[in-house]
Amino acid sequence: MGDVLFQTVFILLLLLGAVSFTLFIRTILINTKAKTSASNDLNQKLDKIIELLEKQNNKSK
């Protein structure tokens, strides 16, 4: 009787570990995508600022 209980608990712990690991990896991937998107937006804005500053410098010369 004790062996069956031990095996059941062990299998449940393995399943819990697998589900936790899967959710952890999923969260990391979602956060990475969000950071990449924010980084791309920031780069576009900086490019626009540089472009405007270059135009302003060319006008003043």
C-alpha atoms as a PDB file:
ATOM      1  CA  MET A   1       0.000   0.000   0.000  1.00  0.00           C
ATOM      2  CA  GLY A   2       2.848   2.371   0.842  1.00  0.00           C
ATOM      3  CA  ASP A   3       4.526   1.767  -2.528  1.00  0.00           C
ATOM      4  CA  VAL A   4       1.423   2.806  -4.463  1.00  0.00           C
ATOM      5  CA  LEU A   5       1.068   5.970  -2.397  1.00  0.00           C
ATOM      6  CA  PHE A   6       4.755   6.832  -2.850  1.00  0.00           C
ATOM      7  CA  GLN A   7       4.585   6.271  -6.611  1.00  0.00           C
ATOM      8  CA  THR A   8       1.440   8.397  -6.916  1.00  0.00           C
ATOM      9  CA  VAL A   9       3.002  11.269  -4.971  1.00  0.00           C
ATOM     10  CA  PHE A  10       6.220  10.988  -6.987  1.00  0.00           C
ATOM     11  CA  ILE A  11       4.362  11.074 -10.330  1.00  0.00           C
ATOM     12  CA  LEU A  12       2.294  14.067  -9.193  1.00  0.00           C
ATOM     13  CA  LEU A  13       5.466  15.911  -8.174  1.00  0.00           C
ATOM     14  CA  LEU A  14       7.040  15.163 -11.561  1.00  0.00           C
ATOM     15  CA  LEU A  15       3.953  16.498 -13.352  1.00  0.00           C
ATOM     16  CA  LEU A  16       3.940  19.613 -11.174  1.00  0.00           C
ATOM     17  CA  GLY A  17       7.618  20.211 -11.959  1.00  0.00           C
ATOM     18  CA  ALA A  18       7.042  19.809 -15.704  1.00  0.00           C
ATOM     19  CA  VAL A  19       4.083  22.209 -15.694  1.00  0.00           C
ATOM     20  CA  SER A  20       5.999  24.766 -13.613  1.00  0.00           C
ATOM     21  CA  PHE A  21       9.001  24.580 -15.928  1.00  0.00           C
ATOM     22  CA  THR A  22       6.789  24.998 -19.006  1.00  0.00           C
ATOM     23  CA  LEU A  23       5.057  28.051 -17.536  1.00  0.00           C
ATOM     24  CA  PHE A  24       8.414  29.536 -16.518  1.00  0.00           C
ATOM     25  CA  ILE A  25       9.810  29.208 -20.056  1.00  0.00           C
ATOM     26  CA  ARG A  26       6.588  30.628 -21.508  1.00  0.00           C
ATOM     27  CA  THR A  27       6.802  33.671 -19.225  1.00  0.00           C
ATOM     28  CA  ILE A  28      10.426  34.268 -20.220  1.00  0.00           C
ATOM     29  CA  LEU A  29       9.542  34.104 -23.923  1.00  0.00           C
ATOM     30  CA  ILE A  30       6.616  36.521 -23.529  1.00  0.00           C
ATOM     31  CA  ASN A  31       8.771  39.021 -21.608  1.00  0.00           C
ATOM     32  CA  THR A  32      11.534  38.773 -24.212  1.00  0.00           C
ATOM     33  CA  LYS A  33       9.106  39.574 -27.015  1.00  0.00           C
ATOM     34  CA  ALA A  34       7.756  42.582 -25.123  1.00  0.00           C
ATOM     35  CA  LYS A  35      11.261  43.912 -24.463  1.00  0.00           C
ATOM     36  CA  THR A  36      12.233  43.435 -28.112  1.00  0.00           C
ATOM     37  CA  SER A  37       9.161  45.332 -29.255  1.00  0.00           C
ATOM     38  CA  ALA A  38       9.835  48.183 -26.830  1.00  0.00           C
ATOM     39  CA  SER A  39      13.474  48.299 -27.922  1.00  0.00           C
ATOM     40  CA  ASN A  40      12.474  48.548 -31.589  1.00  0.00           C
ATOM     41  CA  ASP A  41      10.068  51.405 -30.809  1.00  0.00           C
ATOM     42  CA  LEU A  42      12.768  53.231 -28.875  1.00  0.00           C
ATOM     43  CA  ASN A  43      15.260  52.808 -31.717  1.00  0.00           C
ATOM     44  CA  GLN A  44      12.768  54.228 -34.221  1.00  0.00           C
ATOM     45  CA  LYS A  45      12.141  57.257 -32.023  1.00  0.00           C
ATOM     46  CA  LEU A  46      15.865  57.853 -31.568  1.00  0.00           C
ATOM     47  CA  ASP A  47      16.403  57.606 -35.325  1.00  0.00           C
ATOM     48  CA  LYS A  48      13.690  60.221 -35.853  1.00  0.00           C
ATOM     49  CA  ILE A  49      15.278  62.549 -33.273  1.00  0.00           C
ATOM     50  CA  ILE A  50      18.704  62.172 -34.909  1.00  0.00           C
ATOM     51  CA  GLU A  51      17.193  62.881 -38.314  1.00  0.00           C
ATOM     52  CA  LEU A  52      15.479  66.041 -37.042  1.00  0.00           C
ATOM     53  CA  LEU A  53      18.665  67.246 -35.343  1.00  0.00           C
ATOM     54  CA  GLU A  54      20.647  66.699 -38.537  1.00  0.00           C
ATOM     55  CA  LYS A  55      18.085  68.711 -40.505  1.00  0.00           C
ATOM     56  CA  GLN A  56      18.243  71.479 -37.925  1.00  0.00           C
ATOM     57  CA  ASN A  57      22.057  71.562 -38.109  1.00  0.00           C
ATOM     58  CA  ASN A  58      21.968  71.699 -41.904  1.00  0.00           C
ATOM     59  CA  LYS A  59      19.561  74.678 -41.835  1.00  0.00           C
ATOM     60  CA  SER A  60      21.718  76.682 -39.446  1.00  0.00           C
ATOM     61  CA  LYS A  61      24.853  76.344 -41.635  1.00  0.00           C
END
